[in-house]
Amino acid sequence: MSETRRADGDPELMTYRDVQLSPDFSELRRRFRRFVFPMTGLFLAWYFLYVLLADYASGFMSHRVVGNINVALLMGLGQFVSTFAITMIYVHWADKEIDPAAEKLRKLIEGEDK
């Protein structure tokens, strides 16, 4: 088992608690939450709007847009589109914002030689 180094250079094993209390980890967690919580809230609001409209506004949802395609079908497909869009946005954001900070933290915990 390899030995890890503390942030202050002490060659003692770094515990999970040390990592959790470190400023770098707190910043990483804060960045993650600032993106994920609002995005999750936005998606859930959009999803519940769809469900509520389907239940209480059936006249609106059954309105034909083109041929046999109605509002409900378009909004349902929009759920899939928004899911994929959120995933792509998250991956792009994480590659740019989270992954470099996580890599820096990993190197700090495991040592620079890995």
PDB file of N, CA and C in Angstrom:
ATOM      1  N   MET A   1       0.853  -1.173   0.000  1.00  0.00           N
ATOM      2  CA  MET A   1       0.000   0.000   0.000  1.00  0.00           C
ATOM      3  C   MET A   1       0.899   1.235   0.000  1.00  0.00           C
ATOM      4  N   SER A   2       0.624   2.165  -0.882  1.00  0.00           N
ATOM      5  CA  SER A   2       1.489   3.344  -0.967  1.00  0.00           C
ATOM      6  C   SER A   2       1.107   4.361   0.094  1.00  0.00           C
ATOM      7  N   GLU A   3       2.088   5.121   0.475  1.00  0.00           N
ATOM      8  CA  GLU A   3       1.883   6.136   1.500  1.00  0.00           C
ATOM      9  C   GLU A   3       1.450   7.430   0.827  1.00  0.00           C
ATOM     10  N   THR A   4       0.507   8.119   1.403  1.00  0.00           N
ATOM     11  CA  THR A   4       0.091   9.403   0.863  1.00  0.00           C
ATOM     12  C   THR A   4       0.647  10.505   1.737  1.00  0.00           C
ATOM     13  N   ARG A   5       0.615  11.703   1.232  1.00  0.00           N
ATOM     14  CA  ARG A   5       1.159  12.837   1.973  1.00  0.00           C
ATOM     15  C   ARG A   5       0.042  13.795   2.336  1.00  0.00           C
ATOM     16  N   ARG A   6       0.189  14.388   3.489  1.00  0.00           N
ATOM     17  CA  ARG A   6      -0.754  15.415   3.914  1.00  0.00           C
ATOM     18  C   ARG A   6      -0.479  16.685   3.131  1.00  0.00           C
ATOM     19  N   ALA A   7      -1.435  17.585   3.118  1.00  0.00           N
ATOM     20  CA  ALA A   7      -1.273  18.841   2.391  1.00  0.00           C
ATOM     21  C   ALA A   7      -0.073  19.637   2.905  1.00  0.00           C
ATOM     22  N   ASP A   8       0.268  19.481   4.181  1.00  0.00           N
ATOM     23  CA  ASP A   8       1.400  20.226   4.737  1.00  0.00           C
ATOM     24  C   ASP A   8       2.735  19.515   4.514  1.00  0.00           C
ATOM     25  N   GLY A   9       2.724  18.387   3.744  1.00  0.00           N
ATOM     26  CA  GLY A   9       3.959  17.686   3.421  1.00  0.00           C
ATOM     27  C   GLY A   9       4.302  16.574   4.397  1.00  0.00           C
ATOM     28  N   ASP A  10       3.573  16.461   5.494  1.00  0.00           N
ATOM     29  CA  ASP A  10       3.814  15.410   6.464  1.00  0.00           C
ATOM     30  C   ASP A  10       3.518  14.067   5.804  1.00  0.00           C
ATOM     31  N   PRO A  11       4.450  13.107   5.868  1.00  0.00           N
ATOM     32  CA  PRO A  11       4.235  11.842   5.171  1.00  0.00           C
ATOM     33  C   PRO A  11       3.278  10.880   5.872  1.00  0.00           C
ATOM     34  N   GLU A  12       2.524  11.347   6.853  1.00  0.00           N
ATOM     35  CA  GLU A  12       1.529  10.478   7.478  1.00  0.00           C
ATOM     36  C   GLU A  12       0.416  10.201   6.477  1.00  0.00           C
ATOM     37  N   LEU A  13      -0.307   9.144   6.744  1.00  0.00           N
ATOM     38  CA  LEU A  13      -1.435   8.832   5.866  1.00  0.00           C
ATOM     39  C   LEU A  13      -2.515   9.900   6.019  1.00  0.00           C
ATOM     40  N   MET A  14      -3.045  10.376   4.907  1.00  0.00           N
ATOM     41  CA  MET A  14      -4.115  11.361   4.944  1.00  0.00           C
ATOM     42  C   MET A  14      -5.438  10.612   5.121  1.00  0.00           C
ATOM     43  N   THR A  15      -6.223  11.017   6.066  1.00  0.00           N
ATOM     44  CA  THR A  15      -7.494  10.347   6.315  1.00  0.00           C
ATOM     45  C   THR A  15      -8.591  10.983   5.468  1.00  0.00           C
ATOM     46  N   TYR A  16      -9.699  10.285   5.359  1.00  0.00           N
ATOM     47  CA  TYR A  16     -10.849  10.832   4.642  1.00  0.00           C
ATOM     48  C   TYR A  16     -11.299  12.138   5.292  1.00  0.00           C
ATOM     49  N   ARG A  17     -11.222  12.187   6.596  1.00  0.00           N
ATOM     50  CA  ARG A  17     -11.633  13.399   7.316  1.00  0.00           C
ATOM     51  C   ARG A  17     -10.725  14.583   6.963  1.00  0.00           C
ATOM     52  N   ASP A  18      -9.422  14.332   6.848  1.00  0.00           N
ATOM     53  CA  ASP A  18      -8.488  15.392   6.439  1.00  0.00           C
ATOM     54  C   ASP A  18      -8.872  15.947   5.065  1.00  0.00           C
ATOM     55  N   VAL A  19      -9.180  15.042   4.151  1.00  0.00           N
ATOM     56  CA  VAL A  19      -9.564  15.463   2.800  1.00  0.00           C
ATOM     57  C   VAL A  19     -10.866  16.252   2.849  1.00  0.00           C
ATOM     58  N   GLN A  20     -11.824  15.731   3.587  1.00  0.00           N
ATOM     59  CA  GLN A  20     -13.129  16.381   3.672  1.00  0.00           C
ATOM     60  C   GLN A  20     -13.029  17.792   4.255  1.00  0.00           C
ATOM     61  N   LEU A  21     -12.133  18.009   5.173  1.00  0.00           N
ATOM     62  CA  LEU A  21     -11.988  19.311   5.812  1.00  0.00           C
ATOM     63  C   LEU A  21     -11.060  20.255   5.058  1.00  0.00           C
ATOM     64  N   SER A  22     -10.420  19.770   4.014  1.00  0.00           N
ATOM     65  CA  SER A  22      -9.469  20.617   3.286  1.00  0.00           C
ATOM     66  C   SER A  22     -10.204  21.691   2.487  1.00  0.00           C
ATOM     67  N   PRO A  23      -9.601  22.865   2.363  1.00  0.00           N
ATOM     68  CA  PRO A  23     -10.224  23.950   1.583  1.00  0.00           C
ATOM     69  C   PRO A  23     -10.419  23.578   0.110  1.00  0.00           C
ATOM     70  N   ASP A  24      -9.485  22.816  -0.458  1.00  0.00           N
ATOM     71  CA  ASP A  24      -9.616  22.416  -1.864  1.00  0.00           C
ATOM     72  C   ASP A  24     -10.848  21.544  -2.085  1.00  0.00           C
ATOM     73  N   PHE A  25     -11.081  20.613  -1.171  1.00  0.00           N
ATOM     74  CA  PHE A  25     -12.246  19.729  -1.297  1.00  0.00           C
ATOM     75  C   PHE A  25     -13.537  20.516  -1.086  1.00  0.00           C
ATOM     76  N   SER A  26     -13.526  21.434  -0.122  1.00  0.00           N
ATOM     77  CA  SER A  26     -14.713  22.267   0.119  1.00  0.00           C
ATOM     78  C   SER A  26     -15.061  23.104  -1.103  1.00  0.00           C
ATOM     79  N   GLU A  27     -14.043  23.643  -1.762  1.00  0.00           N
ATOM     80  CA  GLU A  27     -14.260  24.431  -2.980  1.00  0.00           C
ATOM     81  C   GLU A  27     -14.795  23.558  -4.107  1.00  0.00           C
ATOM     82  N   LEU A  28     -14.250  22.369  -4.241  1.00  0.00           N
ATOM     83  CA  LEU A  28     -14.712  21.431  -5.264  1.00  0.00           C
ATOM     84  C   LEU A  28     -16.173  21.075  -5.035  1.00  0.00           C
ATOM     85  N   ARG A  29     -16.524  20.783  -3.809  1.00  0.00           N
ATOM     86  CA  ARG A  29     -17.909  20.439  -3.469  1.00  0.00           C
ATOM     87  C   ARG A  29     -18.837  21.637  -3.696  1.00  0.00           C
ATOM     88  N   ARG A  30     -18.383  22.851  -3.355  1.00  0.00           N
ATOM     89  CA  ARG A  30     -19.196  24.053  -3.550  1.00  0.00           C
ATOM     90  C   ARG A  30     -19.466  24.288  -5.041  1.00  0.00           C
ATOM     91  N   ARG A  31     -18.431  24.155  -5.859  1.00  0.00           N
ATOM     92  CA  ARG A  31     -18.604  24.312  -7.308  1.00  0.00           C
ATOM     93  C   ARG A  31     -19.602  23.303  -7.860  1.00  0.00           C
ATOM     94  N   PHE A  32     -19.465  22.056  -7.437  1.00  0.00           N
ATOM     95  CA  PHE A  32     -20.351  20.992  -7.891  1.00  0.00           C
ATOM     96  C   PHE A  32     -21.801  21.310  -7.526  1.00  0.00           C
ATOM     97  N   ARG A  33     -22.020  21.689  -6.282  1.00  0.00           N
ATOM     98  CA  ARG A  33     -23.377  21.976  -5.820  1.00  0.00           C
ATOM     99  C   ARG A  33     -23.975  23.196  -6.504  1.00  0.00           C
ATOM    100  N   ARG A  34     -23.153  24.202  -6.789  1.00  0.00           N
ATOM    101  CA  ARG A  34     -23.663  25.417  -7.441  1.00  0.00           C
ATOM    102  C   ARG A  34     -24.144  25.138  -8.855  1.00  0.00           C
ATOM    103  N   PHE A  35     -23.660  24.089  -9.469  1.00  0.00           N
ATOM    104  CA  PHE A  35     -24.139  23.717 -10.802  1.00  0.00           C
ATOM    105  C   PHE A  35     -25.287  22.710 -10.711  1.00  0.00           C
ATOM    106  N   VAL A  36     -25.087  21.661  -9.933  1.00  0.00           N
ATOM    107  CA  VAL A  36     -26.009  20.532  -9.941  1.00  0.00           C
ATOM    108  C   VAL A  36     -27.361  20.866  -9.310  1.00  0.00           C
ATOM    109  N   PHE A  37     -27.382  21.554  -8.187  1.00  0.00           N
ATOM    110  CA  PHE A  37     -28.664  21.826  -7.534  1.00  0.00           C
ATOM    111  C   PHE A  37     -29.589  22.695  -8.381  1.00  0.00           C
ATOM    112  N   PRO A  38     -29.115  23.825  -8.933  1.00  0.00           N
ATOM    113  CA  PRO A  38     -30.024  24.607  -9.790  1.00  0.00           C
ATOM    114  C   PRO A  38     -30.462  23.839 -11.042  1.00  0.00           C
ATOM    115  N   MET A  39     -29.547  23.083 -11.645  1.00  0.00           N
ATOM    116  CA  MET A  39     -29.903  22.331 -12.852  1.00  0.00           C
ATOM    117  C   MET A  39     -30.940  21.256 -12.525  1.00  0.00           C
ATOM    118  N   THR A  40     -30.781  20.603 -11.386  1.00  0.00           N
ATOM    119  CA  THR A  40     -31.754  19.599 -10.967  1.00  0.00           C
ATOM    120  C   THR A  40     -33.108  20.249 -10.701  1.00  0.00           C
ATOM    121  N   GLY A  41     -33.107  21.385 -10.014  1.00  0.00           N
ATOM    122  CA  GLY A  41     -34.355  22.097  -9.742  1.00  0.00           C
ATOM    123  C   GLY A  41     -35.058  22.519 -11.018  1.00  0.00           C
ATOM    124  N   LEU A  42     -34.289  23.026 -11.975  1.00  0.00           N
ATOM    125  CA  LEU A  42     -34.849  23.445 -13.254  1.00  0.00           C
ATOM    126  C   LEU A  42     -35.471  22.255 -13.983  1.00  0.00           C
ATOM    127  N   PHE A  43     -34.767  21.139 -14.018  1.00  0.00           N
ATOM    128  CA  PHE A  43     -35.305  19.967 -14.702  1.00  0.00           C
ATOM    129  C   PHE A  43     -36.558  19.446 -13.996  1.00  0.00           C
ATOM    130  N   LEU A  44     -36.542  19.386 -12.668  1.00  0.00           N
ATOM    131  CA  LEU A  44     -37.720  18.893 -11.946  1.00  0.00           C
ATOM    132  C   LEU A  44     -38.927  19.804 -12.146  1.00  0.00           C
ATOM    133  N   ALA A  45     -38.697  21.109 -12.182  1.00  0.00           N
ATOM    134  CA  ALA A  45     -39.799  22.043 -12.437  1.00  0.00           C
ATOM    135  C   ALA A  45     -40.394  21.789 -13.821  1.00  0.00           C
ATOM    136  N   TRP A  46     -39.527  21.611 -14.814  1.00  0.00           N
ATOM    137  CA  TRP A  46     -39.967  21.322 -16.180  1.00  0.00           C
ATOM    138  C   TRP A  46     -40.721  20.007 -16.226  1.00  0.00           C
ATOM    139  N   TYR A  47     -40.238  18.982 -15.536  1.00  0.00           N
ATOM    140  CA  TYR A  47     -40.896  17.676 -15.517  1.00  0.00           C
ATOM    141  C   TYR A  47     -42.271  17.759 -14.839  1.00  0.00           C
ATOM    142  N   PHE A  48     -42.326  18.413 -13.673  1.00  0.00           N
ATOM    143  CA  PHE A  48     -43.607  18.512 -12.968  1.00  0.00           C
ATOM    144  C   PHE A  48     -44.606  19.375 -13.734  1.00  0.00           C
ATOM    145  N   LEU A  49     -44.139  20.380 -14.455  1.00  0.00           N
ATOM    146  CA  LEU A  49     -45.021  21.162 -15.319  1.00  0.00           C
ATOM    147  C   LEU A  49     -45.656  20.241 -16.358  1.00  0.00           C
ATOM    148  N   TYR A  50     -44.858  19.395 -16.965  1.00  0.00           N
ATOM    149  CA  TYR A  50     -45.352  18.439 -17.951  1.00  0.00           C
ATOM    150  C   TYR A  50     -46.402  17.509 -17.330  1.00  0.00           C
ATOM    151  N   VAL A  51     -46.108  16.967 -16.167  1.00  0.00           N
ATOM    152  CA  VAL A  51     -47.043  16.046 -15.507  1.00  0.00           C
ATOM    153  C   VAL A  51     -48.329  16.773 -15.121  1.00  0.00           C
ATOM    154  N   LEU A  52     -48.207  17.961 -14.550  1.00  0.00           N
ATOM    155  CA  LEU A  52     -49.402  18.709 -14.141  1.00  0.00           C
ATOM    156  C   LEU A  52     -50.246  19.121 -15.345  1.00  0.00           C
ATOM    157  N   LEU A  53     -49.613  19.554 -16.404  1.00  0.00           N
ATOM    158  CA  LEU A  53     -50.374  19.891 -17.606  1.00  0.00           C
ATOM    159  C   LEU A  53     -51.066  18.664 -18.185  1.00  0.00           C
ATOM    160  N   ALA A  54     -50.402  17.533 -18.167  1.00  0.00           N
ATOM    161  CA  ALA A  54     -51.004  16.308 -18.676  1.00  0.00           C
ATOM    162  C   ALA A  54     -52.229  15.915 -17.848  1.00  0.00           C
ATOM    163  N   ASP A  55     -52.182  16.191 -16.547  1.00  0.00           N
ATOM    164  CA  ASP A  55     -53.288  15.806 -15.670  1.00  0.00           C
ATOM    165  C   ASP A  55     -54.413  16.840 -15.661  1.00  0.00           C
ATOM    166  N   TYR A  56     -54.068  18.113 -15.609  1.00  0.00           N
ATOM    167  CA  TYR A  56     -55.087  19.143 -15.396  1.00  0.00           C
ATOM    168  C   TYR A  56     -55.399  19.992 -16.627  1.00  0.00           C
ATOM    169  N   ALA A  57     -54.622  19.905 -17.669  1.00  0.00           N
ATOM    170  CA  ALA A  57     -54.872  20.703 -18.866  1.00  0.00           C
ATOM    171  C   ALA A  57     -54.901  19.799 -20.096  1.00  0.00           C
ATOM    172  N   SER A  58     -55.760  18.796 -20.044  1.00  0.00           N
ATOM    173  CA  SER A  58     -55.795  17.828 -21.141  1.00  0.00           C
ATOM    174  C   SER A  58     -56.224  18.477 -22.452  1.00  0.00           C
ATOM    175  N   GLY A  59     -57.060  19.507 -22.392  1.00  0.00           N
ATOM    176  CA  GLY A  59     -57.459  20.209 -23.619  1.00  0.00           C
ATOM    177  C   GLY A  59     -56.264  20.855 -24.297  1.00  0.00           C
ATOM    178  N   PHE A  60     -55.425  21.501 -23.516  1.00  0.00           N
ATOM    179  CA  PHE A  60     -54.218  22.127 -24.060  1.00  0.00           C
ATOM    180  C   PHE A  60     -53.251  21.074 -24.583  1.00  0.00           C
ATOM    181  N   MET A  61     -53.040  20.030 -23.798  1.00  0.00           N
ATOM    182  CA  MET A  61     -52.066  19.004 -24.181  1.00  0.00           C
ATOM    183  C   MET A  61     -52.517  18.222 -25.409  1.00  0.00           C
ATOM    184  N   SER A  62     -53.830  18.102 -25.638  1.00  0.00           N
ATOM    185  CA  SER A  62     -54.314  17.342 -26.790  1.00  0.00           C
ATOM    186  C   SER A  62     -54.451  18.207 -28.044  1.00  0.00           C
ATOM    187  N   HIS A  63     -54.120  19.468 -27.925  1.00  0.00           N
ATOM    188  CA  HIS A  63     -54.178  20.371 -29.081  1.00  0.00           C
ATOM    189  C   HIS A  63     -53.199  19.892 -30.147  1.00  0.00           C
ATOM    190  N   ARG A  64     -53.735  19.682 -31.365  1.00  0.00           N
ATOM    191  CA  ARG A  64     -52.898  19.201 -32.470  1.00  0.00           C
ATOM    192  C   ARG A  64     -52.052  20.343 -33.016  1.00  0.00           C
ATOM    193  N   VAL A  65     -50.768  20.048 -33.204  1.00  0.00           N
ATOM    194  CA  VAL A  65     -49.843  21.042 -33.740  1.00  0.00           C
ATOM    195  C   VAL A  65     -49.697  20.833 -35.243  1.00  0.00           C
ATOM    196  N   VAL A  66     -49.329  19.623 -35.631  1.00  0.00           N
ATOM    197  CA  VAL A  66     -49.188  19.252 -37.040  1.00  0.00           C
ATOM    198  C   VAL A  66     -49.664  17.816 -37.196  1.00  0.00           C
ATOM    199  N   GLY A  67     -50.638  17.587 -38.020  1.00  0.00           N
ATOM    200  CA  GLY A  67     -51.139  16.232 -38.241  1.00  0.00           C
ATOM    201  C   GLY A  67     -51.603  15.596 -36.933  1.00  0.00           C
ATOM    202  N   ASN A  68     -51.074  14.428 -36.616  1.00  0.00           N
ATOM    203  CA  ASN A  68     -51.414  13.740 -35.373  1.00  0.00           C
ATOM    204  C   ASN A  68     -50.479  14.085 -34.218  1.00  0.00           C
ATOM    205  N   ILE A  69     -49.607  15.023 -34.420  1.00  0.00           N
ATOM    206  CA  ILE A  69     -48.659  15.418 -33.372  1.00  0.00           C
ATOM    207  C   ILE A  69     -49.291  16.519 -32.534  1.00  0.00           C
ATOM    208  N   ASN A  70     -49.396  16.240 -31.233  1.00  0.00           N
ATOM    209  CA  ASN A  70     -50.019  17.223 -30.333  1.00  0.00           C
ATOM    210  C   ASN A  70     -48.989  17.795 -29.351  1.00  0.00           C
ATOM    211  N   VAL A  71     -49.431  18.738 -28.543  1.00  0.00           N
ATOM    212  CA  VAL A  71     -48.556  19.414 -27.589  1.00  0.00           C
ATOM    213  C   VAL A  71     -47.944  18.415 -26.601  1.00  0.00           C
ATOM    214  N   ALA A  72     -48.749  17.469 -26.135  1.00  0.00           N
ATOM    215  CA  ALA A  72     -48.252  16.483 -25.164  1.00  0.00           C
ATOM    216  C   ALA A  72     -47.091  15.673 -25.731  1.00  0.00           C
ATOM    217  N   LEU A  73     -47.209  15.271 -26.983  1.00  0.00           N
ATOM    218  CA  LEU A  73     -46.139  14.497 -27.611  1.00  0.00           C
ATOM    219  C   LEU A  73     -44.868  15.342 -27.735  1.00  0.00           C
ATOM    220  N   LEU A  74     -45.015  16.589 -28.149  1.00  0.00           N
ATOM    221  CA  LEU A  74     -43.852  17.460 -28.268  1.00  0.00           C
ATOM    222  C   LEU A  74     -43.197  17.714 -26.918  1.00  0.00           C
ATOM    223  N   MET A  75     -44.006  17.935 -25.890  1.00  0.00           N
ATOM    224  CA  MET A  75     -43.429  18.145 -24.559  1.00  0.00           C
ATOM    225  C   MET A  75     -42.783  16.873 -24.023  1.00  0.00           C
ATOM    226  N   GLY A  76     -43.380  15.724 -24.307  1.00  0.00           N
ATOM    227  CA  GLY A  76     -42.789  14.452 -23.892  1.00  0.00           C
ATOM    228  C   GLY A  76     -41.445  14.220 -24.547  1.00  0.00           C
ATOM    229  N   LEU A  77     -41.378  14.502 -25.848  1.00  0.00           N
ATOM    230  CA  LEU A  77     -40.095  14.385 -26.542  1.00  0.00           C
ATOM    231  C   LEU A  77     -39.113  15.426 -26.020  1.00  0.00           C
ATOM    232  N   GLY A  78     -39.633  16.578 -25.631  1.00  0.00           N
ATOM    233  CA  GLY A  78     -38.795  17.611 -25.038  1.00  0.00           C
ATOM    234  C   GLY A  78     -38.145  17.166 -23.742  1.00  0.00           C
ATOM    235  N   GLN A  79     -38.816  16.277 -23.020  1.00  0.00           N
ATOM    236  CA  GLN A  79     -38.228  15.731 -21.796  1.00  0.00           C
ATOM    237  C   GLN A  79     -36.952  14.956 -22.120  1.00  0.00           C
ATOM    238  N   PHE A  80     -37.013  14.155 -23.175  1.00  0.00           N
ATOM    239  CA  PHE A  80     -35.824  13.396 -23.571  1.00  0.00           C
ATOM    240  C   PHE A  80     -34.724  14.325 -24.068  1.00  0.00           C
ATOM    241  N   VAL A  81     -35.115  15.295 -24.884  1.00  0.00           N
ATOM    242  CA  VAL A  81     -34.134  16.243 -25.422  1.00  0.00           C
ATOM    243  C   VAL A  81     -33.463  17.010 -24.292  1.00  0.00           C
ATOM    244  N   SER A  82     -34.261  17.467 -23.321  1.00  0.00           N
ATOM    245  CA  SER A  82     -33.679  18.235 -22.216  1.00  0.00           C
ATOM    246  C   SER A  82     -32.775  17.358 -21.347  1.00  0.00           C
ATOM    247  N   THR A  83     -33.111  16.103 -21.189  1.00  0.00           N
ATOM    248  CA  THR A  83     -32.252  15.194 -20.423  1.00  0.00           C
ATOM    249  C   THR A  83     -30.883  15.053 -21.091  1.00  0.00           C
ATOM    250  N   PHE A  84     -30.883  14.834 -22.404  1.00  0.00           N
ATOM    251  CA  PHE A  84     -29.616  14.715 -23.123  1.00  0.00           C
ATOM    252  C   PHE A  84     -28.860  16.042 -23.123  1.00  0.00           C
ATOM    253  N   ALA A  85     -29.577  17.145 -23.261  1.00  0.00           N
ATOM    254  CA  ALA A  85     -28.923  18.459 -23.255  1.00  0.00           C
ATOM    255  C   ALA A  85     -28.265  18.728 -21.906  1.00  0.00           C
ATOM    256  N   ILE A  86     -28.972  18.438 -20.824  1.00  0.00           N
ATOM    257  CA  ILE A  86     -28.407  18.638 -19.487  1.00  0.00           C
ATOM    258  C   ILE A  86     -27.170  17.769 -19.304  1.00  0.00           C
ATOM    259  N   THR A  87     -27.233  16.539 -19.783  1.00  0.00           N
ATOM    260  CA  THR A  87     -26.083  15.642 -19.677  1.00  0.00           C
ATOM    261  C   THR A  87     -24.888  16.197 -20.439  1.00  0.00           C
ATOM    262  N   MET A  88     -25.113  16.670 -21.649  1.00  0.00           N
ATOM    263  CA  MET A  88     -24.000  17.219 -22.439  1.00  0.00           C
ATOM    264  C   MET A  88     -23.449  18.496 -21.803  1.00  0.00           C
ATOM    265  N   ILE A  89     -24.327  19.335 -21.280  1.00  0.00           N
ATOM    266  CA  ILE A  89     -23.878  20.552 -20.607  1.00  0.00           C
ATOM    267  C   ILE A  89     -23.046  20.198 -19.379  1.00  0.00           C
ATOM    268  N   TYR A  90     -23.519  19.213 -18.604  1.00  0.00           N
ATOM    269  CA  TYR A  90     -22.788  18.805 -17.404  1.00  0.00           C
ATOM    270  C   TYR A  90     -21.403  18.251 -17.760  1.00  0.00           C
ATOM    271  N   VAL A  91     -21.342  17.396 -18.760  1.00  0.00           N
ATOM    272  CA  VAL A  91     -20.056  16.798 -19.137  1.00  0.00           C
ATOM    273  C   VAL A  91     -19.077  17.886 -19.570  1.00  0.00           C
ATOM    274  N   HIS A  92     -19.549  18.821 -20.377  1.00  0.00           N
ATOM    275  CA  HIS A  92     -18.683  19.918 -20.819  1.00  0.00           C
ATOM    276  C   HIS A  92     -18.226  20.753 -19.625  1.00  0.00           C
ATOM    277  N   TRP A  93     -19.159  21.077 -18.741  1.00  0.00           N
ATOM    278  CA  TRP A  93     -18.839  21.873 -17.554  1.00  0.00           C
ATOM    279  C   TRP A  93     -17.875  21.140 -16.635  1.00  0.00           C
ATOM    280  N   ALA A  94     -18.130  19.849 -16.384  1.00  0.00           N
ATOM    281  CA  ALA A  94     -17.266  19.072 -15.494  1.00  0.00           C
ATOM    282  C   ALA A  94     -15.861  18.940 -16.067  1.00  0.00           C
ATOM    283  N   ASP A  95     -15.758  18.746 -17.379  1.00  0.00           N
ATOM    284  CA  ASP A  95     -14.436  18.661 -18.007  1.00  0.00           C
ATOM    285  C   ASP A  95     -13.642  19.940 -17.787  1.00  0.00           C
ATOM    286  N   LYS A  96     -14.326  21.065 -17.802  1.00  0.00           N
ATOM    287  CA  LYS A  96     -13.660  22.358 -17.699  1.00  0.00           C
ATOM    288  C   LYS A  96     -13.460  22.803 -16.245  1.00  0.00           C
ATOM    289  N   GLU A  97     -14.433  22.561 -15.381  1.00  0.00           N
ATOM    290  CA  GLU A  97     -14.426  23.112 -14.019  1.00  0.00           C
ATOM    291  C   GLU A  97     -14.067  22.104 -12.924  1.00  0.00           C
ATOM    292  N   ILE A  98     -14.640  20.932 -12.980  1.00  0.00           N
ATOM    293  CA  ILE A  98     -14.501  19.971 -11.880  1.00  0.00           C
ATOM    294  C   ILE A  98     -13.290  19.062 -12.040  1.00  0.00           C
ATOM    295  N   ASP A  99     -13.111  18.507 -13.225  1.00  0.00           N
ATOM    296  CA  ASP A  99     -12.039  17.532 -13.416  1.00  0.00           C
ATOM    297  C   ASP A  99     -10.641  18.080 -13.119  1.00  0.00           C
ATOM    298  N   PRO A 100     -10.292  19.291 -13.572  1.00  0.00           N
ATOM    299  CA  PRO A 100      -8.957  19.797 -13.222  1.00  0.00           C
ATOM    300  C   PRO A 100      -8.765  19.977 -11.714  1.00  0.00           C
ATOM    301  N   ALA A 101      -9.803  20.470 -11.029  1.00  0.00           N
ATOM    302  CA  ALA A 101      -9.703  20.646  -9.578  1.00  0.00           C
ATOM    303  C   ALA A 101      -9.634  19.303  -8.861  1.00  0.00           C
ATOM    304  N   ALA A 102     -10.387  18.327  -9.346  1.00  0.00           N
ATOM    305  CA  ALA A 102     -10.350  16.992  -8.745  1.00  0.00           C
ATOM    306  C   ALA A 102      -8.989  16.337  -8.972  1.00  0.00           C
ATOM    307  N   GLU A 103      -8.421  16.539 -10.147  1.00  0.00           N
ATOM    308  CA  GLU A 103      -7.096  15.989 -10.446  1.00  0.00           C
ATOM    309  C   GLU A 103      -6.039  16.623  -9.550  1.00  0.00           C
ATOM    310  N   LYS A 104      -6.136  17.923  -9.350  1.00  0.00           N
ATOM    311  CA  LYS A 104      -5.202  18.622  -8.460  1.00  0.00           C
ATOM    312  C   LYS A 104      -5.310  18.070  -7.038  1.00  0.00           C
ATOM    313  N   LEU A 105      -6.514  17.867  -6.580  1.00  0.00           N
ATOM    314  CA  LEU A 105      -6.733  17.320  -5.239  1.00  0.00           C
ATOM    315  C   LEU A 105      -6.211  15.892  -5.142  1.00  0.00           C
ATOM    316  N   ARG A 106      -6.441  15.095  -6.187  1.00  0.00           N
ATOM    317  CA  ARG A 106      -5.939  13.711  -6.191  1.00  0.00           C
ATOM    318  C   ARG A 106      -4.418  13.693  -6.099  1.00  0.00           C
ATOM    319  N   LYS A 107      -3.757  14.569  -6.871  1.00  0.00           N
ATOM    320  CA  LYS A 107      -2.308  14.632  -6.832  1.00  0.00           C
ATOM    321  C   LYS A 107      -1.808  15.064  -5.453  1.00  0.00           C
ATOM    322  N   LEU A 108      -2.526  15.967  -4.832  1.00  0.00           N
ATOM    323  CA  LEU A 108      -2.166  16.424  -3.509  1.00  0.00           C
ATOM    324  C   LEU A 108      -2.279  15.272  -2.505  1.00  0.00           C
ATOM    325  N   ILE A 109      -3.315  14.475  -2.622  1.00  0.00           N
ATOM    326  CA  ILE A 109      -3.545  13.376  -1.688  1.00  0.00           C
ATOM    327  C   ILE A 109      -2.572  12.231  -1.939  1.00  0.00           C
ATOM    328  N   GLU A 110      -2.417  11.855  -3.197  1.00  0.00           N
ATOM    329  CA  GLU A 110      -1.612  10.682  -3.523  1.00  0.00           C
ATOM    330  C   GLU A 110      -0.137  11.006  -3.674  1.00  0.00           C
ATOM    331  N   GLY A 111       0.189  12.254  -3.830  1.00  0.00           N
ATOM    332  CA  GLY A 111       1.587  12.635  -4.085  1.00  0.00           C
ATOM    333  C   GLY A 111       1.787  12.906  -5.541  1.00  0.00           C
ATOM    334  N   GLU A 112       2.743  13.724  -5.866  1.00  0.00           N
ATOM    335  CA  GLU A 112       2.972  14.159  -7.246  1.00  0.00           C
ATOM    336  C   GLU A 112       3.548  13.074  -8.140  1.00  0.00           C
ATOM    337  N   ASP A 113       4.093  12.006  -7.573  1.00  0.00           N
ATOM    338  CA  ASP A 113       4.793  10.999  -8.392  1.00  0.00           C
ATOM    339  C   ASP A 113       3.855  10.025  -9.066  1.00  0.00           C
ATOM    340  N   LYS A 114       2.546  10.153  -8.896  1.00  0.00           N
ATOM    341  CA  LYS A 114       1.614   9.196  -9.515  1.00  0.00           C
ATOM    342  C   LYS A 114       1.033   9.745 -10.756  1.00  0.00           C
TER     343      LYS A 114
END
